[in-house]
């Protein structure tokens, strides 16, 4: 019986979520989700795509963002249609080339 009583504590110990952020103190956590996901992409850019080093940031994004959103953004990034931070650098179809280049 003692093992059953301790089980929820062990499960709770395994569950982690993103820490609160003073900029996102409202009920709608969509902006917080967007920020965390883009922070993960910035980490990838700054580490040349080192997934292992950026795993904690990915976990924070996954902890606050709906799975559907993360999957959608993960699909959009390689196509160059993700509206957030780009990594790897992709041409965005909606951005016209600068005539000076």
PDB file of N, CA and C in Angstrom:
ATOM      1  N   UNK A   1       0.802  -1.183   0.000  1.00  0.00           N
ATOM      2  CA  UNK A   1       0.000   0.000   0.000  1.00  0.00           C
ATOM      3  C   UNK A   1       0.854   1.260   0.000  1.00  0.00           C
ATOM      4  N   UNK A   2       1.976   1.192   0.659  1.00  0.00           N
ATOM      5  CA  UNK A   2       2.853   2.346   0.715  1.00  0.00           C
ATOM      6  C   UNK A   2       3.352   2.714  -0.677  1.00  0.00           C
ATOM      7  N   UNK A   3       3.602   1.698  -1.506  1.00  0.00           N
ATOM      8  CA  UNK A   3       4.050   1.958  -2.870  1.00  0.00           C
ATOM      9  C   UNK A   3       3.001   2.675  -3.701  1.00  0.00           C
ATOM     10  N   UNK A   4       1.742   2.353  -3.478  1.00  0.00           N
ATOM     11  CA  UNK A   4       0.656   3.017  -4.206  1.00  0.00           C
ATOM     12  C   UNK A   4       0.580   4.479  -3.808  1.00  0.00           C
ATOM     13  N   UNK A   5       0.719   4.761  -2.515  1.00  0.00           N
ATOM     14  CA  UNK A   5       0.652   6.146  -2.047  1.00  0.00           C
ATOM     15  C   UNK A   5       1.807   6.982  -2.586  1.00  0.00           C
ATOM     16  N   UNK A   6       2.945   6.375  -2.811  1.00  0.00           N
ATOM     17  CA  UNK A   6       4.109   7.110  -3.306  1.00  0.00           C
ATOM     18  C   UNK A   6       4.096   7.281  -4.816  1.00  0.00           C
ATOM     19  N   UNK A   7       3.286   6.497  -5.512  1.00  0.00           N
ATOM     20  CA  UNK A   7       3.279   6.544  -6.973  1.00  0.00           C
ATOM     21  C   UNK A   7       2.984   7.939  -7.522  1.00  0.00           C
ATOM     22  N   UNK A   8       1.972   8.654  -7.036  1.00  0.00           N
ATOM     23  CA  UNK A   8       1.724   9.989  -7.587  1.00  0.00           C
ATOM     24  C   UNK A   8       2.901  10.940  -7.395  1.00  0.00           C
ATOM     25  N   UNK A   9       3.615  10.798  -6.282  1.00  0.00           N
ATOM     26  CA  UNK A   9       4.776  11.654  -6.069  1.00  0.00           C
ATOM     27  C   UNK A   9       5.831  11.391  -7.130  1.00  0.00           C
ATOM     28  N   UNK A  10       6.053  10.131  -7.454  1.00  0.00           N
ATOM     29  CA  UNK A  10       7.054   9.792  -8.454  1.00  0.00           C
ATOM     30  C   UNK A  10       6.644  10.307  -9.831  1.00  0.00           C
ATOM     31  N   UNK A  11       5.382  10.181 -10.173  1.00  0.00           N
ATOM     32  CA  UNK A  11       4.894  10.694 -11.448  1.00  0.00           C
ATOM     33  C   UNK A  11       5.052  12.205 -11.482  1.00  0.00           C
ATOM     34  N   UNK A  12       4.697  12.867 -10.389  1.00  0.00           N
ATOM     35  CA  UNK A  12       4.816  14.315 -10.316  1.00  0.00           C
ATOM     36  C   UNK A  12       6.271  14.744 -10.460  1.00  0.00           C
ATOM     37  N   UNK A  13       7.179  13.981  -9.884  1.00  0.00           N
ATOM     38  CA  UNK A  13       8.597  14.309  -9.997  1.00  0.00           C
ATOM     39  C   UNK A  13       9.070  14.272 -11.443  1.00  0.00           C
ATOM     40  N   UNK A  14       8.479  13.393 -12.251  1.00  0.00           N
ATOM     41  CA  UNK A  14       8.880  13.269 -13.643  1.00  0.00           C
ATOM     42  C   UNK A  14       8.287  14.361 -14.524  1.00  0.00           C
ATOM     43  N   UNK A  15       7.176  14.928 -14.098  1.00  0.00           N
ATOM     44  CA  UNK A  15       6.490  15.937 -14.906  1.00  0.00           C
ATOM     45  C   UNK A  15       7.149  17.288 -14.704  1.00  0.00           C
ATOM     46  N   UNK A  16       7.495  17.940 -15.790  1.00  0.00           N
ATOM     47  CA  UNK A  16       8.085  19.266 -15.721  1.00  0.00           C
ATOM     48  C   UNK A  16       7.362  20.156 -16.710  1.00  0.00           C
ATOM     49  N   UNK A  17       7.293  21.407 -16.396  1.00  0.00           N
ATOM     50  CA  UNK A  17       6.695  22.360 -17.309  1.00  0.00           C
ATOM     51  C   UNK A  17       7.566  23.599 -17.342  1.00  0.00           C
ATOM     52  N   UNK A  18       7.294  24.447 -18.285  1.00  0.00           N
ATOM     53  CA  UNK A  18       8.085  25.653 -18.423  1.00  0.00           C
ATOM     54  C   UNK A  18       7.853  26.574 -17.230  1.00  0.00           C
ATOM     55  N   UNK A  19       8.902  27.210 -16.723  1.00  0.00           N
ATOM     56  CA  UNK A  19       8.708  28.132 -15.610  1.00  0.00           C
ATOM     57  C   UNK A  19       7.873  29.340 -16.040  1.00  0.00           C
ATOM     58  N   UNK A  20       7.211  29.967 -15.082  1.00  0.00           N
ATOM     59  CA  UNK A  20       6.419  31.147 -15.420  1.00  0.00           C
ATOM     60  C   UNK A  20       7.337  32.264 -15.877  1.00  0.00           C
ATOM     61  N   UNK A  21       6.780  33.162 -16.647  1.00  0.00           N
ATOM     62  CA  UNK A  21       7.537  34.290 -17.184  1.00  0.00           C
ATOM     63  C   UNK A  21       6.706  35.539 -16.950  1.00  0.00           C
ATOM     64  N   UNK A  22       7.295  36.582 -16.343  1.00  0.00           N
ATOM     65  CA  UNK A  22       6.512  37.771 -16.000  1.00  0.00           C
ATOM     66  C   UNK A  22       5.888  38.477 -17.199  1.00  0.00           C
ATOM     67  N   UNK A  23       6.424  38.278 -18.370  1.00  0.00           N
ATOM     68  CA  UNK A  23       5.852  38.917 -19.561  1.00  0.00           C
ATOM     69  C   UNK A  23       4.564  38.242 -20.010  1.00  0.00           C
ATOM     70  N   UNK A  24       4.320  37.034 -19.524  1.00  0.00           N
ATOM     71  CA  UNK A  24       3.171  36.265 -19.968  1.00  0.00           C
ATOM     72  C   UNK A  24       2.340  35.823 -18.763  1.00  0.00           C
ATOM     73  N   UNK A  25       1.829  36.785 -18.017  1.00  0.00           N
ATOM     74  CA  UNK A  25       1.124  36.436 -16.790  1.00  0.00           C
ATOM     75  C   UNK A  25      -0.389  36.352 -16.969  1.00  0.00           C
ATOM     76  N   UNK A  26      -0.871  36.374 -18.175  1.00  0.00           N
ATOM     77  CA  UNK A  26      -2.300  36.278 -18.419  1.00  0.00           C
ATOM     78  C   UNK A  26      -2.699  34.820 -18.598  1.00  0.00           C
ATOM     79  N   UNK A  27      -3.989  34.592 -18.725  1.00  0.00           N
ATOM     80  CA  UNK A  27      -4.488  33.232 -18.913  1.00  0.00           C
ATOM     81  C   UNK A  27      -4.085  32.661 -20.273  1.00  0.00           C
ATOM     82  N   UNK A  28      -4.042  33.483 -21.307  1.00  0.00           N
ATOM     83  CA  UNK A  28      -3.699  33.021 -22.646  1.00  0.00           C
ATOM     84  C   UNK A  28      -2.190  32.795 -22.730  1.00  0.00           C
ATOM     85  N   UNK A  29      -1.785  31.549 -22.853  1.00  0.00           N
ATOM     86  CA  UNK A  29      -0.371  31.212 -22.885  1.00  0.00           C
ATOM     87  C   UNK A  29       0.188  31.092 -24.302  1.00  0.00           C
ATOM     88  N   UNK A  30      -0.603  31.434 -25.314  1.00  0.00           N
ATOM     89  CA  UNK A  30      -0.129  31.340 -26.700  1.00  0.00           C
ATOM     90  C   UNK A  30       1.136  32.168 -26.930  1.00  0.00           C
ATOM     91  N   UNK A  31       1.209  33.422 -26.461  1.00  0.00           N
ATOM     92  CA  UNK A  31       2.454  34.175 -26.674  1.00  0.00           C
ATOM     93  C   UNK A  31       3.651  33.533 -25.972  1.00  0.00           C
ATOM     94  N   UNK A  32       3.421  32.956 -24.798  1.00  0.00           N
ATOM     95  CA  UNK A  32       4.498  32.282 -24.069  1.00  0.00           C
ATOM     96  C   UNK A  32       4.967  31.061 -24.856  1.00  0.00           C
ATOM     97  N   UNK A  33       4.027  30.323 -25.406  1.00  0.00           N
ATOM     98  CA  UNK A  33       4.343  29.161 -26.238  1.00  0.00           C
ATOM     99  C   UNK A  33       5.190  29.586 -27.441  1.00  0.00           C
ATOM    100  N   UNK A  34       4.734  30.610 -28.143  1.00  0.00           N
ATOM    101  CA  UNK A  34       5.439  31.112 -29.334  1.00  0.00           C
ATOM    102  C   UNK A  34       6.862  31.520 -28.974  1.00  0.00           C
ATOM    103  N   UNK A  35       7.024  32.217 -27.867  1.00  0.00           N
ATOM    104  CA  UNK A  35       8.351  32.655 -27.421  1.00  0.00           C
ATOM    105  C   UNK A  35       9.245  31.467 -27.121  1.00  0.00           C
ATOM    106  N   UNK A  36       8.736  30.492 -26.392  1.00  0.00           N
ATOM    107  CA  UNK A  36       9.544  29.316 -26.037  1.00  0.00           C
ATOM    108  C   UNK A  36       9.963  28.528 -27.279  1.00  0.00           C
ATOM    109  N   UNK A  37       9.046  28.369 -28.230  1.00  0.00           N
ATOM    110  CA  UNK A  37       9.394  27.625 -29.448  1.00  0.00           C
ATOM    111  C   UNK A  37      10.494  28.356 -30.212  1.00  0.00           C
ATOM    112  N   UNK A  38      10.353  29.669 -30.340  1.00  0.00           N
ATOM    113  CA  UNK A  38      11.360  30.448 -31.070  1.00  0.00           C
ATOM    114  C   UNK A  38      12.685  30.505 -30.323  1.00  0.00           C
ATOM    115  N   UNK A  39      12.653  30.481 -29.004  1.00  0.00           N
ATOM    116  CA  UNK A  39      13.906  30.422 -28.237  1.00  0.00           C
ATOM    117  C   UNK A  39      14.641  29.110 -28.534  1.00  0.00           C
ATOM    118  N   UNK A  40      13.886  28.039 -28.714  1.00  0.00           N
ATOM    119  CA  UNK A  40      14.502  26.762 -29.076  1.00  0.00           C
ATOM    120  C   UNK A  40      15.167  26.867 -30.450  1.00  0.00           C
ATOM    121  N   UNK A  41      14.491  27.496 -31.402  1.00  0.00           N
ATOM    122  CA  UNK A  41      15.068  27.643 -32.742  1.00  0.00           C
ATOM    123  C   UNK A  41      16.310  28.535 -32.689  1.00  0.00           C
ATOM    124  N   UNK A  42      16.278  29.586 -31.891  1.00  0.00           N
ATOM    125  CA  UNK A  42      17.455  30.450 -31.725  1.00  0.00           C
ATOM    126  C   UNK A  42      18.608  29.628 -31.155  1.00  0.00           C
ATOM    127  N   UNK A  43      18.316  28.748 -30.209  1.00  0.00           N
ATOM    128  CA  UNK A  43      19.348  27.873 -29.658  1.00  0.00           C
ATOM    129  C   UNK A  43      19.953  27.005 -30.762  1.00  0.00           C
ATOM    130  N   UNK A  44      19.109  26.433 -31.610  1.00  0.00           N
ATOM    131  CA  UNK A  44      19.617  25.624 -32.720  1.00  0.00           C
ATOM    132  C   UNK A  44      20.545  26.441 -33.609  1.00  0.00           C
ATOM    133  N   UNK A  45      20.142  27.670 -33.906  1.00  0.00           N
ATOM    134  CA  UNK A  45      20.964  28.539 -34.755  1.00  0.00           C
ATOM    135  C   UNK A  45      22.312  28.821 -34.101  1.00  0.00           C
ATOM    136  N   UNK A  46      22.291  29.098 -32.799  1.00  0.00           N
ATOM    137  CA  UNK A  46      23.527  29.493 -32.113  1.00  0.00           C
ATOM    138  C   UNK A  46      24.455  28.315 -31.835  1.00  0.00           C
ATOM    139  N   UNK A  47      23.948  27.091 -31.948  1.00  0.00           N
ATOM    140  CA  UNK A  47      24.772  25.903 -31.702  1.00  0.00           C
ATOM    141  C   UNK A  47      24.974  25.077 -32.970  1.00  0.00           C
ATOM    142  N   UNK A  48      24.704  25.669 -34.112  1.00  0.00           N
ATOM    143  CA  UNK A  48      24.822  24.969 -35.400  1.00  0.00           C
ATOM    144  C   UNK A  48      23.984  23.701 -35.437  1.00  0.00           C
ATOM    145  N   UNK A  49      22.798  23.782 -34.840  1.00  0.00           N
ATOM    146  CA  UNK A  49      21.861  22.669 -34.908  1.00  0.00           C
ATOM    147  C   UNK A  49      22.073  21.573 -33.890  1.00  0.00           C
ATOM    148  N   UNK A  50      22.767  21.859 -32.796  1.00  0.00           N
ATOM    149  CA  UNK A  50      23.032  20.846 -31.776  1.00  0.00           C
ATOM    150  C   UNK A  50      21.760  20.551 -30.982  1.00  0.00           C
ATOM    151  N   UNK A  51      21.037  19.523 -31.405  1.00  0.00           N
ATOM    152  CA  UNK A  51      19.769  19.152 -30.781  1.00  0.00           C
ATOM    153  C   UNK A  51      19.937  18.805 -29.301  1.00  0.00           C
ATOM    154  N   UNK A  52      21.040  18.150 -28.964  1.00  0.00           N
ATOM    155  CA  UNK A  52      21.252  17.732 -27.578  1.00  0.00           C
ATOM    156  C   UNK A  52      21.399  18.943 -26.653  1.00  0.00           C
ATOM    157  N   UNK A  53      22.188  19.929 -27.069  1.00  0.00           N
ATOM    158  CA  UNK A  53      22.359  21.128 -26.243  1.00  0.00           C
ATOM    159  C   UNK A  53      21.054  21.910 -26.104  1.00  0.00           C
ATOM    160  N   UNK A  54      20.220  21.848 -27.111  1.00  0.00           N
ATOM    161  CA  UNK A  54      18.978  22.624 -27.118  1.00  0.00           C
ATOM    162  C   UNK A  54      17.781  21.844 -26.584  1.00  0.00           C
ATOM    163  N   UNK A  55      17.998  20.593 -26.198  1.00  0.00           N
ATOM    164  CA  UNK A  55      16.892  19.763 -25.721  1.00  0.00           C
ATOM    165  C   UNK A  55      16.136  20.386 -24.546  1.00  0.00           C
ATOM    166  N   UNK A  56      16.821  21.013 -23.576  1.00  0.00           N
ATOM    167  CA  UNK A  56      16.054  21.640 -22.483  1.00  0.00           C
ATOM    168  C   UNK A  56      15.091  22.722 -22.983  1.00  0.00           C
ATOM    169  N   UNK A  57      15.504  23.490 -23.968  1.00  0.00           N
ATOM    170  CA  UNK A  57      14.634  24.537 -24.503  1.00  0.00           C
ATOM    171  C   UNK A  57      13.481  23.918 -25.290  1.00  0.00           C
ATOM    172  N   UNK A  58      13.763  22.849 -25.989  1.00  0.00           N
ATOM    173  CA  UNK A  58      12.704  22.134 -26.708  1.00  0.00           C
ATOM    174  C   UNK A  58      11.674  21.607 -25.701  1.00  0.00           C
ATOM    175  N   UNK A  59      12.161  21.110 -24.581  1.00  0.00           N
ATOM    176  CA  UNK A  59      11.272  20.606 -23.545  1.00  0.00           C
ATOM    177  C   UNK A  59      10.376  21.698 -22.967  1.00  0.00           C
ATOM    178  N   UNK A  60      10.922  22.904 -22.806  1.00  0.00           N
ATOM    179  CA  UNK A  60      10.107  24.015 -22.310  1.00  0.00           C
ATOM    180  C   UNK A  60       9.009  24.356 -23.310  1.00  0.00           C
ATOM    181  N   UNK A  61       9.350  24.359 -24.591  1.00  0.00           N
ATOM    182  CA  UNK A  61       8.339  24.640 -25.618  1.00  0.00           C
ATOM    183  C   UNK A  61       7.276  23.546 -25.632  1.00  0.00           C
ATOM    184  N   UNK A  62       7.724  22.306 -25.578  1.00  0.00           N
ATOM    185  CA  UNK A  62       6.769  21.180 -25.597  1.00  0.00           C
ATOM    186  C   UNK A  62       5.903  21.184 -24.338  1.00  0.00           C
ATOM    187  N   UNK A  63       6.428  21.735 -23.244  1.00  0.00           N
ATOM    188  CA  UNK A  63       5.688  21.762 -22.000  1.00  0.00           C
ATOM    189  C   UNK A  63       4.540  22.756 -21.982  1.00  0.00           C
ATOM    190  N   UNK A  64       4.623  23.781 -22.813  1.00  0.00           N
ATOM    191  CA  UNK A  64       3.578  24.802 -22.785  1.00  0.00           C
ATOM    192  C   UNK A  64       2.762  24.853 -24.077  1.00  0.00           C
ATOM    193  N   UNK A  65       3.312  24.372 -25.163  1.00  0.00           N
ATOM    194  CA  UNK A  65       2.627  24.453 -26.459  1.00  0.00           C
ATOM    195  C   UNK A  65       1.778  23.206 -26.720  1.00  0.00           C
ATOM    196  N   UNK A  66       0.630  23.388 -27.346  1.00  0.00           N
ATOM    197  CA  UNK A  66      -0.141  22.219 -27.782  1.00  0.00           C
ATOM    198  C   UNK A  66       0.660  21.402 -28.807  1.00  0.00           C
ATOM    199  N   UNK A  67       0.552  20.100 -28.725  1.00  0.00           N
ATOM    200  CA  UNK A  67       1.291  19.219 -29.642  1.00  0.00           C
ATOM    201  C   UNK A  67       1.017  19.570 -31.104  1.00  0.00           C
ATOM    202  N   UNK A  68      -0.226  19.890 -31.435  1.00  0.00           N
ATOM    203  CA  UNK A  68      -0.574  20.217 -32.817  1.00  0.00           C
ATOM    204  C   UNK A  68       0.211  21.414 -33.330  1.00  0.00           C
ATOM    205  N   UNK A  69       0.405  22.410 -32.486  1.00  0.00           N
ATOM    206  CA  UNK A  69       1.142  23.608 -32.898  1.00  0.00           C
ATOM    207  C   UNK A  69       2.607  23.269 -33.161  1.00  0.00           C
ATOM    208  N   UNK A  70       3.206  22.517 -32.237  1.00  0.00           N
ATOM    209  CA  UNK A  70       4.623  22.162 -32.393  1.00  0.00           C
ATOM    210  C   UNK A  70       4.815  21.336 -33.658  1.00  0.00           C
ATOM    211  N   UNK A  71       3.943  20.377 -33.880  1.00  0.00           N
ATOM    212  CA  UNK A  71       4.054  19.545 -35.083  1.00  0.00           C
ATOM    213  C   UNK A  71       3.906  20.391 -36.343  1.00  0.00           C
ATOM    214  N   UNK A  72       2.961  21.333 -36.328  1.00  0.00           N
ATOM    215  CA  UNK A  72       2.746  22.211 -37.483  1.00  0.00           C
ATOM    216  C   UNK A  72       3.994  23.055 -37.737  1.00  0.00           C
ATOM    217  N   UNK A  73       4.518  23.668 -36.689  1.00  0.00           N
ATOM    218  CA  UNK A  73       5.709  24.506 -36.852  1.00  0.00           C
ATOM    219  C   UNK A  73       6.915  23.680 -37.268  1.00  0.00           C
ATOM    220  N   UNK A  74       7.048  22.463 -36.726  1.00  0.00           N
ATOM    221  CA  UNK A  74       8.147  21.585 -37.124  1.00  0.00           C
ATOM    222  C   UNK A  74       8.055  21.236 -38.613  1.00  0.00           C
ATOM    223  N   UNK A  75       6.846  21.113 -39.131  1.00  0.00           N
ATOM    224  CA  UNK A  75       6.662  20.832 -40.559  1.00  0.00           C
ATOM    225  C   UNK A  75       6.914  22.080 -41.408  1.00  0.00           C
ATOM    226  N   UNK A  76       6.553  23.238 -40.890  1.00  0.00           N
ATOM    227  CA  UNK A  76       6.707  24.479 -41.650  1.00  0.00           C
ATOM    228  C   UNK A  76       8.165  24.924 -41.762  1.00  0.00           C
ATOM    229  N   UNK A  77       8.953  24.705 -40.731  1.00  0.00           N
ATOM    230  CA  UNK A  77      10.335  25.201 -40.729  1.00  0.00           C
ATOM    231  C   UNK A  77      11.150  24.716 -41.922  1.00  0.00           C
ATOM    232  N   UNK A  78      11.210  23.426 -42.220  1.00  0.00           N
ATOM    233  CA  UNK A  78      12.038  23.001 -43.358  1.00  0.00           C
ATOM    234  C   UNK A  78      11.497  23.472 -44.709  1.00  0.00           C
ATOM    235  N   UNK A  79      10.220  23.818 -44.759  1.00  0.00           N
ATOM    236  CA  UNK A  79       9.619  24.305 -46.002  1.00  0.00           C
ATOM    237  C   UNK A  79       9.844  25.807 -46.187  1.00  0.00           C
ATOM    238  N   UNK A  80      10.348  26.476 -45.128  1.00  0.00           N
ATOM    239  CA  UNK A  80      10.585  27.916 -45.212  1.00  0.00           C
ATOM    240  C   UNK A  80       9.324  28.742 -45.061  1.00  0.00           C
ATOM    241  N   UNK A  81       8.257  28.145 -44.532  1.00  0.00           N
ATOM    242  CA  UNK A  81       7.004  28.894 -44.392  1.00  0.00           C
ATOM    243  C   UNK A  81       6.659  29.179 -42.934  1.00  0.00           C
ATOM    244  N   UNK A  82       7.560  28.848 -42.022  1.00  0.00           N
ATOM    245  CA  UNK A  82       7.358  29.158 -40.609  1.00  0.00           C
ATOM    246  C   UNK A  82       7.559  30.654 -40.421  1.00  0.00           C
ATOM    247  N   UNK A  83       6.633  31.298 -39.732  1.00  0.00           N
ATOM    248  CA  UNK A  83       6.671  32.756 -39.590  1.00  0.00           C
ATOM    249  C   UNK A  83       7.619  33.228 -38.493  1.00  0.00           C
ATOM    250  N   UNK A  84       8.214  32.319 -37.761  1.00  0.00           N
ATOM    251  CA  UNK A  84       9.125  32.698 -36.677  1.00  0.00           C
ATOM    252  C   UNK A  84      10.576  32.653 -37.116  1.00  0.00           C
ATOM    253  N   UNK A  85      11.455  32.420 -36.157  1.00  0.00           N
ATOM    254  CA  UNK A  85      12.894  32.353 -36.395  1.00  0.00           C
ATOM    255  C   UNK A  85      13.184  31.205 -37.357  1.00  0.00           C
ATOM    256  N   UNK A  86      14.042  31.452 -38.323  1.00  0.00           N
ATOM    257  CA  UNK A  86      14.378  30.436 -39.323  1.00  0.00           C
ATOM    258  C   UNK A  86      15.703  29.759 -39.002  1.00  0.00           C
ATOM    259  N   UNK A  87      15.701  28.448 -38.979  1.00  0.00           N
ATOM    260  CA  UNK A  87      16.906  27.642 -38.933  1.00  0.00           C
ATOM    261  C   UNK A  87      16.559  26.277 -39.486  1.00  0.00           C
ATOM    262  N   UNK A  88      17.285  25.769 -40.430  1.00  0.00           N
ATOM    263  CA  UNK A  88      18.327  26.499 -41.147  1.00  0.00           C
ATOM    264  C   UNK A  88      17.714  27.625 -41.957  1.00  0.00           C
ATOM    265  N   UNK A  89      18.569  28.548 -42.364  1.00  0.00           N
ATOM    266  CA  UNK A  89      18.072  29.706 -43.114  1.00  0.00           C
ATOM    267  C   UNK A  89      17.396  29.225 -44.388  1.00  0.00           C
ATOM    268  N   UNK A  90      16.193  29.646 -44.581  1.00  0.00           N
ATOM    269  CA  UNK A  90      15.407  29.267 -45.760  1.00  0.00           C
ATOM    270  C   UNK A  90      14.925  30.534 -46.437  1.00  0.00           C
ATOM    271  N   UNK A  91      14.737  30.450 -47.728  1.00  0.00           N
ATOM    272  CA  UNK A  91      14.092  31.568 -48.421  1.00  0.00           C
ATOM    273  C   UNK A  91      12.623  31.537 -48.061  1.00  0.00           C
ATOM    274  N   UNK A  92      12.092  32.686 -47.737  1.00  0.00           N
ATOM    275  CA  UNK A  92      10.678  32.794 -47.431  1.00  0.00           C
ATOM    276  C   UNK A  92       9.959  33.264 -48.690  1.00  0.00           C
ATOM    277  N   UNK A  93       8.979  32.509 -49.159  1.00  0.00           N
ATOM    278  CA  UNK A  93       8.316  32.856 -50.417  1.00  0.00           C
ATOM    279  C   UNK A  93       7.620  34.213 -50.395  1.00  0.00           C
ATOM    280  N   UNK A  94       7.270  34.698 -49.234  1.00  0.00           N
ATOM    281  CA  UNK A  94       6.565  35.973 -49.157  1.00  0.00           C
ATOM    282  C   UNK A  94       7.504  37.172 -49.075  1.00  0.00           C
ATOM    283  N   UNK A  95       8.831  36.946 -48.980  1.00  0.00           N
ATOM    284  CA  UNK A  95       9.796  38.043 -48.916  1.00  0.00           C
ATOM    285  C   UNK A  95      10.443  38.196 -50.288  1.00  0.00           C
ATOM    286  N   UNK A  96      10.293  39.380 -50.870  1.00  0.00           N
ATOM    287  CA  UNK A  96      10.879  39.640 -52.183  1.00  0.00           C
ATOM    288  C   UNK A  96      12.385  39.869 -52.043  1.00  0.00           C
ATOM    289  N   UNK A  97      13.134  39.416 -53.028  1.00  0.00           N
ATOM    290  CA  UNK A  97      14.573  39.620 -53.033  1.00  0.00           C
ATOM    291  C   UNK A  97      14.883  41.104 -53.113  1.00  0.00           C
ATOM    292  N   UNK A  98      15.895  41.516 -52.381  1.00  0.00           N
ATOM    293  CA  UNK A  98      16.340  42.909 -52.406  1.00  0.00           C
ATOM    294  C   UNK A  98      17.076  43.127 -53.721  1.00  0.00           C
ATOM    295  N   UNK A  99      16.706  44.172 -54.434  1.00  0.00           N
ATOM    296  CA  UNK A  99      17.290  44.464 -55.755  1.00  0.00           C
ATOM    297  C   UNK A  99      18.779  44.776 -55.659  1.00  0.00           C
ATOM    298  N   UNK A 100      19.269  45.121 -54.480  1.00  0.00           N
ATOM    299  CA  UNK A 100      20.683  45.478 -54.320  1.00  0.00           C
ATOM    300  C   UNK A 100      21.585  44.261 -54.189  1.00  0.00           C
ATOM    301  N   UNK A 101      21.024  43.065 -54.091  1.00  0.00           N
ATOM    302  CA  UNK A 101      21.853  41.869 -53.893  1.00  0.00           C
ATOM    303  C   UNK A 101      22.072  41.152 -55.163  1.00  0.00           C
TER     304      UNK A 101
END
